[in-house]
Structure formats: C-alpha cells, structure tokens
Amino acid sequence: MSDNAFRFLVANDAGEASQEWRVWTEGNELYVGPRSAAHEYKASFHSSGQCQVGISSEIRKSLVSEPAWTGKSRLFSTWTLDKVDIDSPRQDLLELLIPDSYLDVVKPEITPAGRILRGDPGQITSVALIRTHLSADAALTSTEPGFCELYRFQLDNAYTILVLQRCLTESLEYHKYVRSRFWSHYLAKPTPEGRTYRGKNVDQSSSSLRAMLWDGTQTRKYRHEVSARKLLALGPPEQ
C-alpha cells in the first residue's frame, strides 16, 4: 500500500459486499470516494478548512448542454472547518455508514493491497475520518463495539488523519430513515434549484448499483451506502 492511500470494502458471509472505497491524501489535502468513481465524484477536505462534495470539473463540462445544470455549480455541498486547537483537539470530517442489510451481491475486485472489513447481520459498519493533532506514536483505545484504527495519515502541516472503524446496530428507526430518504429523493420532482448526476447506461436492476445518501449538520457529516436494487424492491414507505 502506498503511504498516502487506503482502500477498503465491507463484505459478509452471504457473498454480499459494498463498493470499494478509497481515502487518499495529496500534500495536506484529503479526499474520499468510491474507487470506481472517485475521478468523477468525491468529497474533499482542504488544509484551508474548505470542504466540499461534488463532481469533477471535467464531468461538469460534459453537462453543459443539460438544461437541469444551466448555471449550476459542480459542487453539491460546501462547508468550512475551524482550526483544531487545544479546546478542540479533534474534528469529525466524515462518517461512512454501510449497513449489512443493504450490501448486495457483487464481485469485490480488490487487490491484496486493499482491506476487507467484515459485515455481520444487523450491523452497520462505520468508518470515520477524523482530523487531529495526535502524535504519530499515540495509541488509541475505545470501549465502542468493533472499534479499531484502520489507517493513519501523517500530514506535513502537523495534522493527523485517522481512519477509524466501529460497529453500530441496525435499528428499526434506521431502516425507516434510510428507506424514507432514498424514496424521497427518488420520487422528488425536479426543481429549478435541483440537479442530479449519474453515470451513463445505469441498470437499475443491477446489484452493483448503489445509492449514497448524504446528511448531517455543519459539524457532522454522514454518507450512507445502500443497495438501490434492494430499496427499489421494497417500494416506497406507506407515508
């Protein structure tokens, strides 16, 4: 593995898996995205404190003739982080939530350099990205279920980026939330402010098709990866 990139996916004993994710740094900038589409769509966290999620400049240029994209930015969301100081020793950049129930049957084409995380029934695999001033030799411990440090990036500007795993429970409320969020977007009527982006030749019945749901506040950002095929099969919630 190169010293500036970490790749992983979640897989269970039923032969289902998530897509493969890539976390990498360039200088003091941090990026994260699905490996297969990171050149098109990713989140980035910059040393200036600017953070953003969006499509690449090249993809945006290819959409110049699409009416829904007239005058629209390539960025779906932007926010700014404060500097880490003694009163704020850590910043939660992003938490990826990958529930076992919404993994799907794919062939995880991962090289030996990648990491396969185990998904278990009723479990959400959480992979969090945290920026801190933690020293390079500091050890981390936690009583949270499934906690472990997956990777650590040491940046030139004295920041450390931690990639941490923990396990959460797939509650009934969580299932309702994911289903509601997915269908609210799927059924929403286009507005002058809204726009969507997807790759070409998308087969909505494919088990490889994933929906990625963003939510969060100014200080906490979450991204849920779920099987679009499974959610389409469930149909919209009654309300």
Protein backbone atom coordinates (compact mmCIF):
# COMPACT_ATOMS: atom_id res chain seq x y z
CA MET A 1 0.00 0.00 0.00
CA SER A 2 1.30 3.45 -0.81
CA ASP A 3 1.80 5.74 2.15
CA ASN A 4 -0.87 8.19 1.02
CA ALA A 5 -3.84 5.96 0.19
CA PHE A 6 -6.09 3.47 1.97
CA ARG A 7 -8.68 1.24 0.27
CA PHE A 8 -11.38 -0.88 1.84
CA LEU A 9 -14.74 -2.52 1.34
CA VAL A 10 -17.26 -4.29 3.60
CA ALA A 11 -18.22 -7.91 2.85
CA ASN A 12 -20.32 -10.52 4.66
CA ASP A 13 -20.54 -14.32 4.71
CA ALA A 14 -23.54 -14.27 2.33
CA GLY A 15 -21.27 -13.13 -0.51
CA GLU A 16 -22.54 -9.54 -0.44
CA ALA A 17 -20.28 -6.51 -0.39
CA SER A 18 -20.11 -2.75 -0.54
CA GLN A 19 -18.30 -0.94 -3.29
CA GLU A 20 -14.62 -0.36 -2.73
CA TRP A 21 -13.76 2.97 -1.10
CA ARG A 22 -10.55 4.94 -1.43
CA VAL A 23 -9.20 7.50 1.04
CA TRP A 24 -6.09 9.37 -0.03
CA THR A 25 -4.03 12.49 0.50
CA GLU A 26 -2.23 14.84 -1.85
CA GLY A 27 0.03 17.09 0.14
CA ASN A 28 -2.13 18.28 3.04
CA GLU A 29 -5.45 17.72 1.22
CA LEU A 30 -7.69 14.73 1.95
CA TYR A 31 -10.06 13.01 -0.48
CA VAL A 32 -12.56 10.15 -0.24
CA GLY A 33 -14.78 8.45 -2.80
CA PRO A 34 -15.82 5.11 -4.29
CA ARG A 35 -12.76 3.79 -6.08
CA SER A 36 -14.64 3.16 -9.33
CA ALA A 37 -15.99 6.71 -9.48
CA ALA A 38 -13.55 8.81 -7.44
CA HIS A 39 -12.36 10.52 -10.63
CA GLU A 40 -15.96 11.69 -11.20
CA TYR A 41 -17.45 12.24 -7.74
CA LYS A 42 -15.74 12.66 -4.37
CA ALA A 43 -15.55 14.56 -1.10
CA SER A 44 -12.51 16.69 -0.37
CA PHE A 45 -11.17 18.27 2.82
CA HIS A 46 -8.64 21.02 2.29
CA SER A 47 -5.93 22.45 4.53
CA SER A 48 -7.63 25.85 4.27
CA GLY A 49 -10.65 24.42 6.10
CA GLN A 50 -12.78 24.36 2.94
CA CYS A 51 -14.69 21.08 2.47
CA GLN A 52 -16.85 20.07 -0.45
CA VAL A 53 -18.70 17.28 -2.22
CA GLY A 54 -19.23 17.32 -5.94
CA ILE A 55 -18.41 16.08 -9.40
CA SER A 56 -15.17 16.77 -11.24
CA SER A 57 -14.62 19.81 -13.42
CA GLU A 58 -14.36 17.53 -16.46
CA ILE A 59 -17.73 15.91 -15.77
CA ARG A 60 -19.32 19.32 -15.17
CA LYS A 61 -18.10 20.49 -18.58
CA SER A 62 -19.72 17.46 -20.22
CA LEU A 63 -23.10 18.54 -18.76
CA VAL A 64 -23.06 21.98 -20.37
CA SER A 65 -25.93 21.04 -22.69
CA GLU A 66 -28.13 19.61 -19.90
CA PRO A 67 -30.93 22.09 -19.01
CA ALA A 68 -31.01 20.97 -15.37
CA TRP A 69 -27.38 22.03 -14.99
CA THR A 70 -27.63 25.50 -16.52
CA GLY A 71 -25.78 27.89 -14.23
CA LYS A 72 -25.30 25.24 -11.55
CA SER A 73 -22.08 24.63 -9.63
CA ARG A 74 -20.35 21.26 -9.83
CA LEU A 75 -20.41 21.22 -6.01
CA PHE A 76 -23.40 19.73 -4.21
CA SER A 77 -22.34 20.84 -0.73
CA THR A 78 -19.65 23.07 0.78
CA TRP A 79 -18.73 23.86 4.36
CA THR A 80 -15.79 25.19 6.37
CA LEU A 81 -13.88 23.70 9.30
CA ASP A 82 -12.34 25.71 12.09
CA LYS A 83 -8.72 25.15 13.02
CA VAL A 84 -8.02 22.40 15.54
CA ASP A 85 -6.81 23.98 18.78
CA ILE A 86 -6.32 22.99 22.40
CA ASP A 87 -10.03 23.41 23.09
CA SER A 88 -10.99 21.37 20.02
CA PRO A 89 -8.49 18.51 19.80
CA ARG A 90 -10.34 16.66 17.01
CA GLN A 91 -12.66 17.26 14.09
CA ASP A 92 -15.08 14.69 12.72
CA LEU A 93 -14.74 15.07 8.96
CA LEU A 94 -16.99 12.32 7.62
CA GLU A 95 -18.58 9.08 8.77
CA LEU A 96 -19.33 6.39 6.18
CA LEU A 97 -22.20 4.13 7.27
CA ILE A 98 -22.50 0.79 5.47
CA PRO A 99 -25.38 -1.36 6.81
CA ASP A 100 -25.15 -5.12 6.31
CA SER A 101 -28.81 -5.35 5.21
CA TYR A 102 -28.05 -3.12 2.22
CA LEU A 103 -24.91 -4.82 0.97
CA ASP A 104 -25.54 -6.63 -2.29
CA VAL A 105 -24.09 -9.37 -4.46
CA VAL A 106 -21.05 -8.07 -6.32
CA LYS A 107 -17.63 -9.40 -7.13
CA PRO A 108 -15.27 -7.38 -4.96
CA GLU A 109 -12.41 -6.81 -7.36
CA ILE A 110 -9.92 -5.82 -4.70
CA THR A 111 -6.17 -6.28 -4.84
CA PRO A 112 -4.18 -7.65 -1.89
CA ALA A 113 -3.32 -4.04 -1.03
CA GLY A 114 -6.92 -3.35 0.00
CA ARG A 115 -8.69 -4.14 3.28
CA ILE A 116 -11.86 -6.21 3.62
CA LEU A 117 -13.98 -5.35 6.67
CA ARG A 118 -16.44 -7.96 7.92
CA GLY A 119 -20.13 -7.13 7.85
CA ASP A 120 -22.45 -9.07 10.17
CA PRO A 121 -26.27 -9.36 10.25
CA GLY A 122 -27.95 -6.45 12.00
CA GLN A 123 -24.77 -4.42 11.98
CA ILE A 124 -23.75 -1.09 10.46
CA THR A 125 -20.04 -0.80 9.70
CA SER A 126 -18.96 2.76 10.44
CA VAL A 127 -15.73 4.14 9.02
CA ALA A 128 -14.97 7.62 10.34
CA LEU A 129 -12.39 10.14 9.14
CA ILE A 130 -11.09 12.38 11.91
CA ARG A 131 -8.55 15.20 11.82
CA THR A 132 -6.47 15.74 14.95
CA HIS A 133 -3.08 16.80 16.33
CA LEU A 134 -2.48 13.31 17.74
CA SER A 135 1.19 12.38 17.88
CA ALA A 136 2.46 9.74 15.50
CA ASP A 137 3.18 7.20 18.25
CA ALA A 138 -0.04 7.68 20.24
CA ALA A 139 -2.18 4.55 20.67
CA LEU A 140 -5.97 4.67 20.51
CA THR A 141 -8.40 2.65 22.60
CA SER A 142 -12.18 2.67 22.89
CA THR A 143 -14.95 0.62 24.50
CA GLU A 144 -17.18 1.00 21.44
CA PRO A 145 -18.10 -2.31 19.75
CA GLY A 146 -15.80 -3.26 16.89
CA PHE A 147 -13.51 -0.28 17.41
CA CYS A 148 -10.16 -0.34 15.66
CA GLU A 149 -7.83 2.04 13.87
CA LEU A 150 -7.69 1.13 10.19
CA TYR A 151 -5.16 3.67 8.97
CA ARG A 152 -3.34 6.86 9.91
CA PHE A 153 -2.14 9.66 7.62
CA GLN A 154 0.57 11.99 8.94
CA LEU A 155 0.40 15.33 7.10
CA ASP A 156 3.19 17.87 6.70
CA ASN A 157 1.15 20.55 8.47
CA ALA A 158 1.24 18.52 11.75
CA TYR A 159 -2.31 17.24 11.39
CA THR A 160 -3.09 13.54 11.61
CA ILE A 161 -5.97 11.94 9.71
CA LEU A 162 -7.38 8.88 11.46
CA VAL A 163 -9.48 6.23 9.71
CA LEU A 164 -11.45 4.50 12.48
CA GLN A 165 -13.92 1.63 12.43
CA ARG A 166 -16.75 0.86 14.85
CA CYS A 167 -19.97 -1.17 14.76
CA LEU A 168 -23.49 0.19 15.20
CA THR A 169 -26.85 -1.56 15.42
CA GLU A 170 -29.30 -1.54 12.52
CA SER A 171 -32.35 -0.34 14.42
CA LEU A 172 -35.90 -0.24 13.07
CA GLU A 173 -35.65 3.55 13.11
CA TYR A 174 -32.51 3.39 10.97
CA HIS A 175 -34.22 1.18 8.38
CA LYS A 176 -37.17 3.58 8.23
CA TYR A 177 -34.83 6.52 7.87
CA VAL A 178 -32.80 5.02 5.00
CA ARG A 179 -35.93 3.90 3.14
CA SER A 180 -37.60 7.29 3.58
CA ARG A 181 -34.51 9.25 2.49
CA PHE A 182 -33.97 7.11 -0.59
CA TRP A 183 -37.57 7.30 -1.80
CA SER A 184 -37.96 10.99 -1.01
CA HIS A 185 -35.13 11.66 -3.46
CA TYR A 186 -36.21 9.03 -5.98
CA LEU A 187 -39.78 10.35 -6.21
CA ALA A 188 -38.99 14.05 -5.90
CA LYS A 189 -39.99 16.27 -8.79
CA PRO A 190 -37.19 18.34 -10.34
CA THR A 191 -36.96 21.98 -9.29
CA PRO A 192 -35.02 24.88 -10.81
CA GLU A 193 -32.53 24.60 -7.92
CA GLY A 194 -32.14 20.84 -8.05
CA ARG A 195 -30.00 18.62 -10.23
CA THR A 196 -28.86 15.02 -10.26
CA TYR A 197 -25.91 13.20 -11.69
CA ARG A 198 -25.43 9.55 -12.54
CA GLY A 199 -23.12 7.64 -14.82
CA LYS A 200 -24.29 6.58 -18.25
CA ASN A 201 -26.00 3.25 -19.02
CA VAL A 202 -27.25 2.66 -15.48
CA ASP A 203 -29.13 -0.62 -14.97
CA GLN A 204 -31.48 -0.01 -12.05
CA SER A 205 -31.95 -3.77 -11.53
CA SER A 206 -28.20 -4.32 -11.08
CA SER A 207 -26.98 -5.46 -7.67
CA SER A 208 -23.92 -3.27 -8.23
CA LEU A 209 -25.98 -0.05 -8.30
CA ARG A 210 -25.51 1.87 -5.06
CA ALA A 211 -27.27 4.88 -3.62
CA MET A 212 -25.21 7.22 -1.46
CA LEU A 213 -27.27 9.31 0.92
CA TRP A 214 -25.76 12.45 2.43
CA ASP A 215 -26.92 14.04 5.65
CA GLY A 216 -25.57 15.84 8.68
CA THR A 217 -25.01 19.20 10.28
CA GLN A 218 -22.32 21.81 9.84
CA THR A 219 -20.01 19.83 12.13
CA ARG A 220 -21.09 16.21 11.49
CA LYS A 221 -21.35 14.72 8.00
CA TYR A 222 -22.62 11.24 7.17
CA ARG A 223 -22.77 9.20 4.00
CA HIS A 224 -24.87 6.02 3.87
CA GLU A 225 -24.06 3.46 1.17
CA VAL A 226 -27.08 1.26 0.36
CA SER A 227 -28.17 -1.09 -2.39
CA ALA A 228 -30.53 0.79 -4.73
CA ARG A 229 -31.84 -2.51 -6.05
CA LYS A 230 -32.94 -3.66 -2.60
CA LEU A 231 -34.62 -0.36 -1.77
CA LEU A 232 -36.43 -0.28 -5.11
CA ALA A 233 -37.69 -3.81 -4.42
CA LEU A 234 -39.02 -2.75 -1.02
CA GLY A 235 -41.01 0.06 -2.61
CA PRO A 236 -41.77 3.44 -1.02
CA PRO A 237 -42.87 3.64 2.62
CA GLU A 238 -46.60 3.94 3.25
CA GLN A 239 -46.20 7.51 4.42
